[in-house]
Amino acid sequence: MGTPGELMLPDGRPVPVLSGDERVMLESWLDFHRATLELKCRGLDDAQVRCVAVEPSELTLLGLVQHLAEVERNWFQRVVAGLDVPPVWGDGNVSGYGLDPERGIGEALTVWRREIARGREVCAGRPLDGVGRIADGPMAGMEVALRWVFLHMIEEYARHNGHADILRERIDGVTGA
């Protein structure tokens, strides 16, 4: 996931830049958290990524990957770019958490990576102060700066990576990172 010359952790995640331009810092922290989610899924099979944290929760690693694909699409394509795009996983699974018995982690990660790439394309050349408009939900119609979207995405991934930590530990005892 890193670029040439980028400092990498032993587990393959990029180290967020330690100084410099605000945009580079925001993008590098978001990339770090994206890589952390991917790390939490590494080496697991389709049955393992479907394990729930604890009853009655239905939260799974597969569901988190799907949810974050939807989050990527929502904030970058719908809000920042103002595009009218459908939910990633269909109208019946707007949150992304619903699991399809036919969809495994490989497909979900491929779709998630595609949404990340599309988001990067949408953001390229846009100023951090550029605004988009929230399309729905309790903040519908409000303008939001790209800077805010980056900060929100970092928070969203950080929160869900905490969930992923717990799920991964329950699956095979792996902790940390």
N, C-alpha and C. Protein backbone atom coordinates (compact mmCIF):
# COMPACT_ATOMS: atom_id res chain seq x y z
N MET A 1 0.82 -1.19 0.00
CA MET A 1 0.00 0.00 0.00
C MET A 1 0.87 1.26 0.00
N GLY A 2 2.13 1.13 0.35
CA GLY A 2 3.03 2.29 0.44
C GLY A 2 3.58 2.69 -0.91
N THR A 3 4.25 3.83 -0.92
CA THR A 3 4.90 4.33 -2.12
C THR A 3 6.41 4.25 -1.94
N PRO A 4 7.18 4.24 -3.02
CA PRO A 4 8.64 4.15 -2.90
C PRO A 4 9.19 5.27 -2.02
N GLY A 5 10.15 4.90 -1.15
CA GLY A 5 10.76 5.87 -0.26
C GLY A 5 9.98 6.12 1.01
N GLU A 6 8.78 5.56 1.10
CA GLU A 6 7.93 5.73 2.25
C GLU A 6 8.42 4.82 3.38
N LEU A 7 8.42 5.33 4.60
CA LEU A 7 8.81 4.55 5.76
C LEU A 7 7.71 3.55 6.09
N MET A 8 8.08 2.28 6.23
CA MET A 8 7.09 1.24 6.48
C MET A 8 7.36 0.57 7.82
N LEU A 9 6.29 0.17 8.48
CA LEU A 9 6.40 -0.63 9.70
C LEU A 9 6.72 -2.07 9.31
N PRO A 10 7.23 -2.88 10.24
CA PRO A 10 7.54 -4.28 9.91
C PRO A 10 6.35 -5.06 9.37
N ASP A 11 5.13 -4.67 9.76
CA ASP A 11 3.94 -5.38 9.28
C ASP A 11 3.46 -4.90 7.91
N GLY A 12 4.19 -3.93 7.31
CA GLY A 12 3.87 -3.47 5.97
C GLY A 12 3.03 -2.22 5.89
N ARG A 13 2.60 -1.68 7.03
CA ARG A 13 1.80 -0.45 7.00
C ARG A 13 2.70 0.77 6.85
N PRO A 14 2.23 1.78 6.12
CA PRO A 14 3.02 3.00 5.97
C PRO A 14 2.98 3.82 7.26
N VAL A 15 4.12 4.37 7.65
CA VAL A 15 4.16 5.27 8.80
C VAL A 15 3.63 6.62 8.35
N PRO A 16 2.64 7.17 9.06
CA PRO A 16 2.16 8.50 8.68
C PRO A 16 3.31 9.51 8.75
N VAL A 17 3.32 10.46 7.82
CA VAL A 17 4.41 11.44 7.81
C VAL A 17 4.43 12.19 9.14
N LEU A 18 5.64 12.53 9.57
CA LEU A 18 5.83 13.12 10.89
C LEU A 18 5.87 14.65 10.86
N SER A 19 6.06 15.21 9.69
CA SER A 19 6.05 16.66 9.55
C SER A 19 5.76 16.99 8.09
N GLY A 20 5.39 18.23 7.87
CA GLY A 20 5.18 18.65 6.49
C GLY A 20 3.80 19.20 6.24
N ASP A 21 3.42 19.15 4.99
CA ASP A 21 2.18 19.69 4.48
C ASP A 21 0.96 19.03 5.13
N GLU A 22 -0.04 19.85 5.46
CA GLU A 22 -1.25 19.35 6.10
C GLU A 22 -1.95 18.27 5.28
N ARG A 23 -2.08 18.50 4.00
CA ARG A 23 -2.79 17.52 3.16
C ARG A 23 -2.07 16.19 3.15
N VAL A 24 -0.74 16.22 3.02
CA VAL A 24 0.04 14.99 3.03
C VAL A 24 -0.14 14.26 4.36
N MET A 25 -0.17 15.01 5.45
CA MET A 25 -0.38 14.40 6.77
C MET A 25 -1.76 13.74 6.85
N LEU A 26 -2.78 14.45 6.43
CA LEU A 26 -4.14 13.89 6.48
C LEU A 26 -4.23 12.63 5.63
N GLU A 27 -3.73 12.69 4.40
CA GLU A 27 -3.78 11.53 3.52
C GLU A 27 -2.97 10.37 4.09
N SER A 28 -1.81 10.66 4.69
CA SER A 28 -0.98 9.57 5.20
C SER A 28 -1.61 8.91 6.43
N TRP A 29 -2.27 9.70 7.28
CA TRP A 29 -2.96 9.09 8.42
C TRP A 29 -4.15 8.24 7.95
N LEU A 30 -4.86 8.71 6.94
CA LEU A 30 -5.97 7.91 6.41
C LEU A 30 -5.44 6.62 5.79
N ASP A 31 -4.34 6.71 5.05
CA ASP A 31 -3.74 5.50 4.47
C ASP A 31 -3.27 4.53 5.55
N PHE A 32 -2.71 5.05 6.63
CA PHE A 32 -2.28 4.20 7.75
C PHE A 32 -3.48 3.42 8.31
N HIS A 33 -4.58 4.10 8.52
CA HIS A 33 -5.76 3.42 9.08
C HIS A 33 -6.38 2.45 8.08
N ARG A 34 -6.36 2.79 6.81
CA ARG A 34 -6.83 1.83 5.80
C ARG A 34 -5.97 0.57 5.84
N ALA A 35 -4.66 0.75 5.91
CA ALA A 35 -3.74 -0.39 5.96
C ALA A 35 -3.93 -1.21 7.22
N THR A 36 -4.30 -0.56 8.32
CA THR A 36 -4.54 -1.27 9.57
C THR A 36 -5.76 -2.18 9.43
N LEU A 37 -6.81 -1.70 8.80
CA LEU A 37 -7.99 -2.55 8.58
C LEU A 37 -7.60 -3.77 7.75
N GLU A 38 -6.86 -3.53 6.69
CA GLU A 38 -6.44 -4.65 5.83
C GLU A 38 -5.58 -5.64 6.61
N LEU A 39 -4.69 -5.13 7.46
CA LEU A 39 -3.85 -5.99 8.29
C LEU A 39 -4.69 -6.88 9.20
N LYS A 40 -5.76 -6.34 9.75
CA LYS A 40 -6.62 -7.11 10.66
C LYS A 40 -7.29 -8.29 9.94
N CYS A 41 -7.42 -8.20 8.62
CA CYS A 41 -8.05 -9.27 7.84
C CYS A 41 -7.04 -10.24 7.25
N ARG A 42 -5.77 -9.87 7.28
CA ARG A 42 -4.72 -10.67 6.63
C ARG A 42 -4.64 -12.07 7.22
N GLY A 43 -4.61 -13.06 6.32
CA GLY A 43 -4.42 -14.45 6.71
C GLY A 43 -5.66 -15.15 7.21
N LEU A 44 -6.80 -14.50 7.17
CA LEU A 44 -8.05 -15.12 7.63
C LEU A 44 -8.85 -15.64 6.44
N ASP A 45 -9.58 -16.71 6.68
CA ASP A 45 -10.42 -17.25 5.62
C ASP A 45 -11.84 -16.67 5.72
N ASP A 46 -12.67 -17.03 4.75
CA ASP A 46 -14.02 -16.47 4.69
C ASP A 46 -14.86 -16.81 5.91
N ALA A 47 -14.68 -17.97 6.50
CA ALA A 47 -15.43 -18.33 7.70
C ALA A 47 -14.97 -17.47 8.88
N GLN A 48 -13.68 -17.26 9.01
CA GLN A 48 -13.16 -16.48 10.13
C GLN A 48 -13.62 -15.03 10.10
N VAL A 49 -13.64 -14.41 8.93
CA VAL A 49 -14.04 -13.00 8.85
C VAL A 49 -15.54 -12.82 9.06
N ARG A 50 -16.27 -13.92 9.17
CA ARG A 50 -17.70 -13.88 9.46
C ARG A 50 -18.01 -14.09 10.94
N CYS A 51 -16.98 -14.33 11.76
CA CYS A 51 -17.17 -14.52 13.19
C CYS A 51 -17.60 -13.20 13.84
N VAL A 52 -18.63 -13.29 14.67
CA VAL A 52 -19.11 -12.09 15.37
C VAL A 52 -18.31 -11.89 16.66
N ALA A 53 -18.28 -10.63 17.09
CA ALA A 53 -17.53 -10.29 18.30
C ALA A 53 -18.15 -10.97 19.52
N VAL A 54 -19.40 -10.73 19.74
CA VAL A 54 -20.11 -11.29 20.90
C VAL A 54 -21.61 -11.12 20.65
N GLU A 55 -22.37 -12.12 21.03
CA GLU A 55 -23.82 -12.03 20.89
C GLU A 55 -24.34 -10.89 21.76
N PRO A 56 -25.33 -10.14 21.37
CA PRO A 56 -26.15 -10.28 20.18
C PRO A 56 -25.60 -9.53 18.97
N SER A 57 -24.40 -8.96 19.06
CA SER A 57 -23.83 -8.21 17.96
C SER A 57 -23.67 -9.09 16.72
N GLU A 58 -23.86 -8.47 15.58
CA GLU A 58 -23.62 -9.15 14.31
C GLU A 58 -22.39 -8.58 13.62
N LEU A 59 -21.59 -7.80 14.35
CA LEU A 59 -20.41 -7.16 13.79
C LEU A 59 -19.33 -8.19 13.45
N THR A 60 -18.83 -8.11 12.21
CA THR A 60 -17.79 -9.02 11.72
C THR A 60 -16.72 -8.22 10.98
N LEU A 61 -15.55 -8.82 10.79
CA LEU A 61 -14.52 -8.17 9.98
C LEU A 61 -14.99 -7.97 8.54
N LEU A 62 -15.66 -8.97 7.99
CA LEU A 62 -16.19 -8.84 6.63
C LEU A 62 -17.17 -7.67 6.56
N GLY A 63 -18.04 -7.58 7.55
CA GLY A 63 -19.00 -6.47 7.59
C GLY A 63 -18.30 -5.12 7.70
N LEU A 64 -17.21 -5.05 8.48
CA LEU A 64 -16.47 -3.81 8.59
C LEU A 64 -15.85 -3.39 7.26
N VAL A 65 -15.27 -4.34 6.54
CA VAL A 65 -14.69 -4.02 5.23
C VAL A 65 -15.77 -3.51 4.30
N GLN A 66 -16.90 -4.17 4.28
CA GLN A 66 -18.00 -3.75 3.41
C GLN A 66 -18.52 -2.37 3.83
N HIS A 67 -18.68 -2.16 5.14
CA HIS A 67 -19.15 -0.88 5.64
C HIS A 67 -18.20 0.25 5.23
N LEU A 68 -16.90 0.00 5.38
CA LEU A 68 -15.94 1.06 5.06
C LEU A 68 -15.84 1.31 3.55
N ALA A 69 -16.16 0.33 2.73
CA ALA A 69 -16.28 0.58 1.29
C ALA A 69 -17.42 1.56 1.05
N GLU A 70 -18.53 1.35 1.75
CA GLU A 70 -19.68 2.25 1.62
C GLU A 70 -19.35 3.63 2.15
N VAL A 71 -18.64 3.71 3.26
CA VAL A 71 -18.23 4.99 3.84
C VAL A 71 -17.34 5.76 2.86
N GLU A 72 -16.38 5.05 2.25
CA GLU A 72 -15.51 5.69 1.25
C GLU A 72 -16.35 6.28 0.13
N ARG A 73 -17.29 5.50 -0.39
CA ARG A 73 -18.13 5.99 -1.49
C ARG A 73 -18.97 7.18 -1.05
N ASN A 74 -19.56 7.08 0.12
CA ASN A 74 -20.44 8.13 0.58
C ASN A 74 -19.71 9.46 0.71
N TRP A 75 -18.63 9.47 1.48
CA TRP A 75 -17.99 10.75 1.79
C TRP A 75 -17.24 11.33 0.60
N PHE A 76 -16.58 10.52 -0.18
CA PHE A 76 -15.80 11.09 -1.28
C PHE A 76 -16.61 11.28 -2.56
N GLN A 77 -17.42 10.30 -2.93
CA GLN A 77 -18.17 10.44 -4.18
C GLN A 77 -19.46 11.24 -4.00
N ARG A 78 -20.25 10.86 -3.00
CA ARG A 78 -21.54 11.55 -2.82
C ARG A 78 -21.36 12.95 -2.27
N VAL A 79 -20.60 13.08 -1.17
CA VAL A 79 -20.49 14.37 -0.49
C VAL A 79 -19.50 15.29 -1.20
N VAL A 80 -18.26 14.85 -1.35
CA VAL A 80 -17.23 15.73 -1.91
C VAL A 80 -17.51 16.02 -3.39
N ALA A 81 -17.78 14.98 -4.17
CA ALA A 81 -17.97 15.18 -5.62
C ALA A 81 -19.41 15.48 -6.01
N GLY A 82 -20.36 15.25 -5.10
CA GLY A 82 -21.76 15.51 -5.42
C GLY A 82 -22.37 14.54 -6.41
N LEU A 83 -21.80 13.34 -6.49
CA LEU A 83 -22.30 12.33 -7.43
C LEU A 83 -23.48 11.57 -6.85
N ASP A 84 -24.38 11.19 -7.71
CA ASP A 84 -25.53 10.38 -7.31
C ASP A 84 -25.20 8.93 -7.64
N VAL A 85 -24.54 8.26 -6.71
CA VAL A 85 -24.14 6.87 -6.93
C VAL A 85 -24.90 5.96 -5.96
N PRO A 86 -25.23 4.76 -6.40
CA PRO A 86 -26.00 3.85 -5.55
C PRO A 86 -25.15 3.27 -4.43
N PRO A 87 -25.78 2.67 -3.43
CA PRO A 87 -25.02 2.00 -2.38
C PRO A 87 -24.13 0.91 -2.99
N VAL A 88 -22.97 0.73 -2.43
CA VAL A 88 -21.99 -0.24 -2.94
C VAL A 88 -22.60 -1.63 -3.00
N TRP A 89 -23.28 -2.04 -1.94
CA TRP A 89 -23.76 -3.42 -1.82
C TRP A 89 -25.25 -3.56 -2.11
N GLY A 90 -25.86 -2.53 -2.69
CA GLY A 90 -27.27 -2.58 -3.06
C GLY A 90 -28.17 -1.86 -2.07
N ASP A 91 -29.36 -1.53 -2.53
CA ASP A 91 -30.31 -0.75 -1.72
C ASP A 91 -30.69 -1.44 -0.42
N GLY A 92 -30.63 -2.76 -0.38
CA GLY A 92 -30.99 -3.49 0.83
C GLY A 92 -29.88 -3.58 1.85
N ASN A 93 -28.71 -2.99 1.54
CA ASN A 93 -27.57 -3.08 2.44
C ASN A 93 -26.81 -1.74 2.44
N VAL A 94 -27.53 -0.67 2.75
CA VAL A 94 -26.96 0.66 2.69
C VAL A 94 -25.80 0.85 3.66
N SER A 95 -25.85 0.20 4.82
CA SER A 95 -24.77 0.33 5.81
C SER A 95 -23.54 -0.48 5.41
N GLY A 96 -23.76 -1.53 4.61
CA GLY A 96 -22.67 -2.41 4.23
C GLY A 96 -22.44 -3.57 5.18
N TYR A 97 -23.07 -3.56 6.32
CA TYR A 97 -22.82 -4.60 7.32
C TYR A 97 -23.44 -5.95 6.99
N GLY A 98 -24.49 -5.95 6.17
CA GLY A 98 -25.15 -7.21 5.82
C GLY A 98 -24.23 -8.11 5.01
N LEU A 99 -24.21 -9.38 5.37
CA LEU A 99 -23.34 -10.35 4.69
C LEU A 99 -24.11 -11.15 3.67
N ASP A 100 -23.52 -11.32 2.51
CA ASP A 100 -24.06 -12.16 1.45
C ASP A 100 -23.29 -13.48 1.51
N PRO A 101 -24.00 -14.61 1.56
CA PRO A 101 -23.30 -15.89 1.65
C PRO A 101 -22.34 -16.16 0.49
N GLU A 102 -22.56 -15.49 -0.63
CA GLU A 102 -21.73 -15.69 -1.82
C GLU A 102 -20.50 -14.78 -1.86
N ARG A 103 -20.45 -13.77 -0.99
CA ARG A 103 -19.35 -12.80 -1.03
C ARG A 103 -18.34 -13.10 0.06
N GLY A 104 -17.09 -13.28 -0.35
CA GLY A 104 -16.02 -13.53 0.60
C GLY A 104 -15.15 -12.31 0.80
N ILE A 105 -14.14 -12.47 1.63
CA ILE A 105 -13.26 -11.35 1.96
C ILE A 105 -12.47 -10.87 0.74
N GLY A 106 -12.09 -11.77 -0.14
CA GLY A 106 -11.34 -11.36 -1.34
C GLY A 106 -12.12 -10.36 -2.17
N GLU A 107 -13.37 -10.68 -2.44
CA GLU A 107 -14.21 -9.77 -3.23
C GLU A 107 -14.45 -8.46 -2.48
N ALA A 108 -14.74 -8.56 -1.19
CA ALA A 108 -15.01 -7.35 -0.41
C ALA A 108 -13.79 -6.42 -0.39
N LEU A 109 -12.60 -6.99 -0.21
CA LEU A 109 -11.38 -6.16 -0.21
C LEU A 109 -11.13 -5.53 -1.58
N THR A 110 -11.41 -6.26 -2.65
CA THR A 110 -11.25 -5.72 -4.00
C THR A 110 -12.18 -4.53 -4.21
N VAL A 111 -13.42 -4.66 -3.81
CA VAL A 111 -14.38 -3.56 -3.95
C VAL A 111 -13.97 -2.38 -3.07
N TRP A 112 -13.56 -2.66 -1.84
CA TRP A 112 -13.10 -1.61 -0.91
C TRP A 112 -11.92 -0.85 -1.51
N ARG A 113 -10.94 -1.56 -2.05
CA ARG A 113 -9.79 -0.91 -2.69
C ARG A 113 -10.22 -0.06 -3.88
N ARG A 114 -11.20 -0.52 -4.64
CA ARG A 114 -11.70 0.25 -5.78
C ARG A 114 -12.35 1.55 -5.31
N GLU A 115 -13.09 1.49 -4.20
CA GLU A 115 -13.71 2.69 -3.65
C GLU A 115 -12.66 3.67 -3.15
N ILE A 116 -11.59 3.16 -2.55
CA ILE A 116 -10.48 4.01 -2.11
C ILE A 116 -9.85 4.71 -3.31
N ALA A 117 -9.59 3.95 -4.36
CA ALA A 117 -8.97 4.53 -5.56
C ALA A 117 -9.87 5.60 -6.17
N ARG A 118 -11.15 5.34 -6.22
CA ARG A 118 -12.08 6.33 -6.78
C ARG A 118 -12.10 7.58 -5.91
N GLY A 119 -12.07 7.41 -4.59
CA GLY A 119 -12.03 8.55 -3.69
C GLY A 119 -10.79 9.40 -3.89
N ARG A 120 -9.66 8.73 -4.11
CA ARG A 120 -8.41 9.47 -4.37
C ARG A 120 -8.52 10.29 -5.65
N GLU A 121 -9.15 9.69 -6.67
CA GLU A 121 -9.35 10.42 -7.93
C GLU A 121 -10.22 11.65 -7.71
N VAL A 122 -11.29 11.49 -6.95
CA VAL A 122 -12.22 12.59 -6.68
C VAL A 122 -11.50 13.72 -5.95
N CYS A 123 -10.63 13.39 -5.01
CA CYS A 123 -9.97 14.40 -4.19
C CYS A 123 -8.77 15.06 -4.86
N ALA A 124 -8.21 14.41 -5.84
CA ALA A 124 -7.01 14.95 -6.50
C ALA A 124 -7.28 16.36 -7.02
N GLY A 125 -6.45 17.29 -6.60
CA GLY A 125 -6.57 18.66 -7.07
C GLY A 125 -7.61 19.50 -6.36
N ARG A 126 -8.42 18.91 -5.52
CA ARG A 126 -9.41 19.70 -4.77
C ARG A 126 -8.74 20.31 -3.55
N PRO A 127 -9.02 21.56 -3.26
CA PRO A 127 -8.43 22.18 -2.08
C PRO A 127 -9.09 21.67 -0.79
N LEU A 128 -8.33 21.67 0.28
CA LEU A 128 -8.88 21.22 1.57
C LEU A 128 -10.05 22.08 2.01
N ASP A 129 -10.09 23.34 1.59
CA ASP A 129 -11.20 24.23 1.95
C ASP A 129 -12.39 24.10 1.00
N GLY A 130 -12.23 23.32 -0.08
CA GLY A 130 -13.34 23.11 -1.00
C GLY A 130 -14.46 22.38 -0.27
N VAL A 131 -15.70 22.71 -0.63
CA VAL A 131 -16.83 22.13 0.09
C VAL A 131 -17.67 21.22 -0.78
N GLY A 132 -18.27 20.27 -0.10
CA GLY A 132 -19.28 19.40 -0.67
C GLY A 132 -20.53 19.54 0.17
N ARG A 133 -21.55 18.82 -0.20
CA ARG A 133 -22.82 18.93 0.53
C ARG A 133 -23.28 17.55 0.96
N ILE A 134 -23.64 17.44 2.22
CA ILE A 134 -24.14 16.18 2.76
C ILE A 134 -25.53 15.94 2.18
N ALA A 135 -25.71 14.75 1.61
CA ALA A 135 -26.93 14.47 0.85
C ALA A 135 -28.09 14.00 1.72
N ASP A 136 -27.81 13.27 2.79
CA ASP A 136 -28.91 12.71 3.57
C ASP A 136 -28.52 12.58 5.03
N GLY A 137 -29.43 12.06 5.82
CA GLY A 137 -29.18 11.89 7.24
C GLY A 137 -29.47 13.16 8.02
N PRO A 138 -29.10 13.18 9.30
CA PRO A 138 -29.45 14.32 10.15
C PRO A 138 -28.75 15.63 9.78
N MET A 139 -27.69 15.56 8.99
CA MET A 139 -26.97 16.77 8.57
C MET A 139 -27.21 17.09 7.10
N ALA A 140 -28.25 16.51 6.52
CA ALA A 140 -28.54 16.70 5.09
C ALA A 140 -28.59 18.18 4.74
N GLY A 141 -27.93 18.52 3.62
CA GLY A 141 -27.93 19.87 3.11
C GLY A 141 -26.79 20.73 3.62
N MET A 142 -26.11 20.29 4.66
CA MET A 142 -25.01 21.09 5.20
C MET A 142 -23.78 20.97 4.32
N GLU A 143 -23.06 22.10 4.21
CA GLU A 143 -21.80 22.10 3.48
C GLU A 143 -20.69 21.63 4.42
N VAL A 144 -19.74 20.91 3.85
CA VAL A 144 -18.63 20.39 4.64
C VAL A 144 -17.36 20.48 3.80
N ALA A 145 -16.27 20.92 4.43
CA ALA A 145 -14.99 21.06 3.73
C ALA A 145 -14.33 19.70 3.56
N LEU A 146 -13.54 19.58 2.51
CA LEU A 146 -12.77 18.36 2.28
C LEU A 146 -11.89 18.06 3.49
N ARG A 147 -11.31 19.06 4.12
CA ARG A 147 -10.50 18.87 5.32
C ARG A 147 -11.31 18.11 6.38
N TRP A 148 -12.55 18.54 6.61
CA TRP A 148 -13.43 17.89 7.59
C TRP A 148 -13.67 16.43 7.19
N VAL A 149 -13.87 16.19 5.91
CA VAL A 149 -14.11 14.82 5.44
C VAL A 149 -12.89 13.95 5.73
N PHE A 150 -11.69 14.45 5.46
CA PHE A 150 -10.48 13.68 5.79
C PHE A 150 -10.42 13.38 7.28
N LEU A 151 -10.66 14.38 8.11
CA LEU A 151 -10.61 14.16 9.56
C LEU A 151 -11.68 13.16 10.00
N HIS A 152 -12.87 13.29 9.44
CA HIS A 152 -13.93 12.34 9.77
C HIS A 152 -13.55 10.92 9.35
N MET A 153 -12.98 10.78 8.17
CA MET A 153 -12.59 9.44 7.70
C MET A 153 -11.51 8.83 8.59
N ILE A 154 -10.56 9.63 9.04
CA ILE A 154 -9.54 9.13 9.96
C ILE A 154 -10.20 8.64 11.25
N GLU A 155 -11.13 9.43 11.78
CA GLU A 155 -11.87 9.05 12.99
C GLU A 155 -12.68 7.78 12.75
N GLU A 156 -13.34 7.71 11.62
CA GLU A 156 -14.19 6.55 11.30
C GLU A 156 -13.35 5.27 11.26
N TYR A 157 -12.23 5.32 10.57
CA TYR A 157 -11.35 4.15 10.50
C TYR A 157 -10.75 3.82 11.86
N ALA A 158 -10.31 4.83 12.60
CA ALA A 158 -9.71 4.57 13.92
C ALA A 158 -10.71 3.86 14.83
N ARG A 159 -11.95 4.34 14.84
CA ARG A 159 -12.99 3.72 15.67
C ARG A 159 -13.24 2.27 15.23
N HIS A 160 -13.40 2.07 13.94
CA HIS A 160 -13.68 0.72 13.46
C HIS A 160 -12.47 -0.19 13.56
N ASN A 161 -11.26 0.36 13.50
CA ASN A 161 -10.08 -0.48 13.71
C ASN A 161 -10.02 -0.98 15.15
N GLY A 162 -10.56 -0.22 16.09
CA GLY A 162 -10.70 -0.73 17.46
C GLY A 162 -11.62 -1.94 17.50
N HIS A 163 -12.72 -1.86 16.76
CA HIS A 163 -13.62 -3.01 16.65
C HIS A 163 -12.88 -4.19 16.01
N ALA A 164 -12.12 -3.89 14.97
CA ALA A 164 -11.38 -4.94 14.26
C ALA A 164 -10.35 -5.62 15.18
N ASP A 165 -9.73 -4.83 16.06
CA ASP A 165 -8.80 -5.41 17.05
C ASP A 165 -9.49 -6.48 17.89
N ILE A 166 -10.67 -6.14 18.38
CA ILE A 166 -11.41 -7.07 19.24
C ILE A 166 -11.84 -8.30 18.44
N LEU A 167 -12.33 -8.09 17.23
CA LEU A 167 -12.75 -9.22 16.39
C LEU A 167 -11.58 -10.14 16.09
N ARG A 168 -10.44 -9.57 15.71
CA ARG A 168 -9.28 -10.40 15.37
C ARG A 168 -8.80 -11.19 16.59
N GLU A 169 -8.77 -10.56 17.75
CA GLU A 169 -8.35 -11.27 18.95
C GLU A 169 -9.29 -12.43 19.25
N ARG A 170 -10.58 -12.24 19.05
CA ARG A 170 -11.54 -13.32 19.29
C ARG A 170 -11.35 -14.46 18.30
N ILE A 171 -10.99 -14.15 17.07
CA ILE A 171 -10.84 -15.16 16.04
C ILE A 171 -9.62 -16.06 16.29
N ASP A 172 -8.46 -15.44 16.49
CA ASP A 172 -7.24 -16.25 16.58
C ASP A 172 -6.23 -15.78 17.63
N GLY A 173 -6.63 -14.83 18.48
CA GLY A 173 -5.76 -14.39 19.54
C GLY A 173 -4.75 -13.34 19.16
N VAL A 174 -4.71 -12.94 17.87
CA VAL A 174 -3.76 -11.92 17.43
C VAL A 174 -4.18 -10.57 17.98
N THR A 175 -3.24 -9.87 18.60
CA THR A 175 -3.51 -8.56 19.18
C THR A 175 -2.48 -7.55 18.68
N GLY A 176 -2.75 -6.30 18.98
CA GLY A 176 -1.80 -5.25 18.66
C GLY A 176 -2.02 -4.63 17.31
N ALA A 177 -1.13 -3.68 16.99
CA ALA A 177 -1.13 -2.94 15.73
C ALA A 177 -2.34 -2.05 15.69
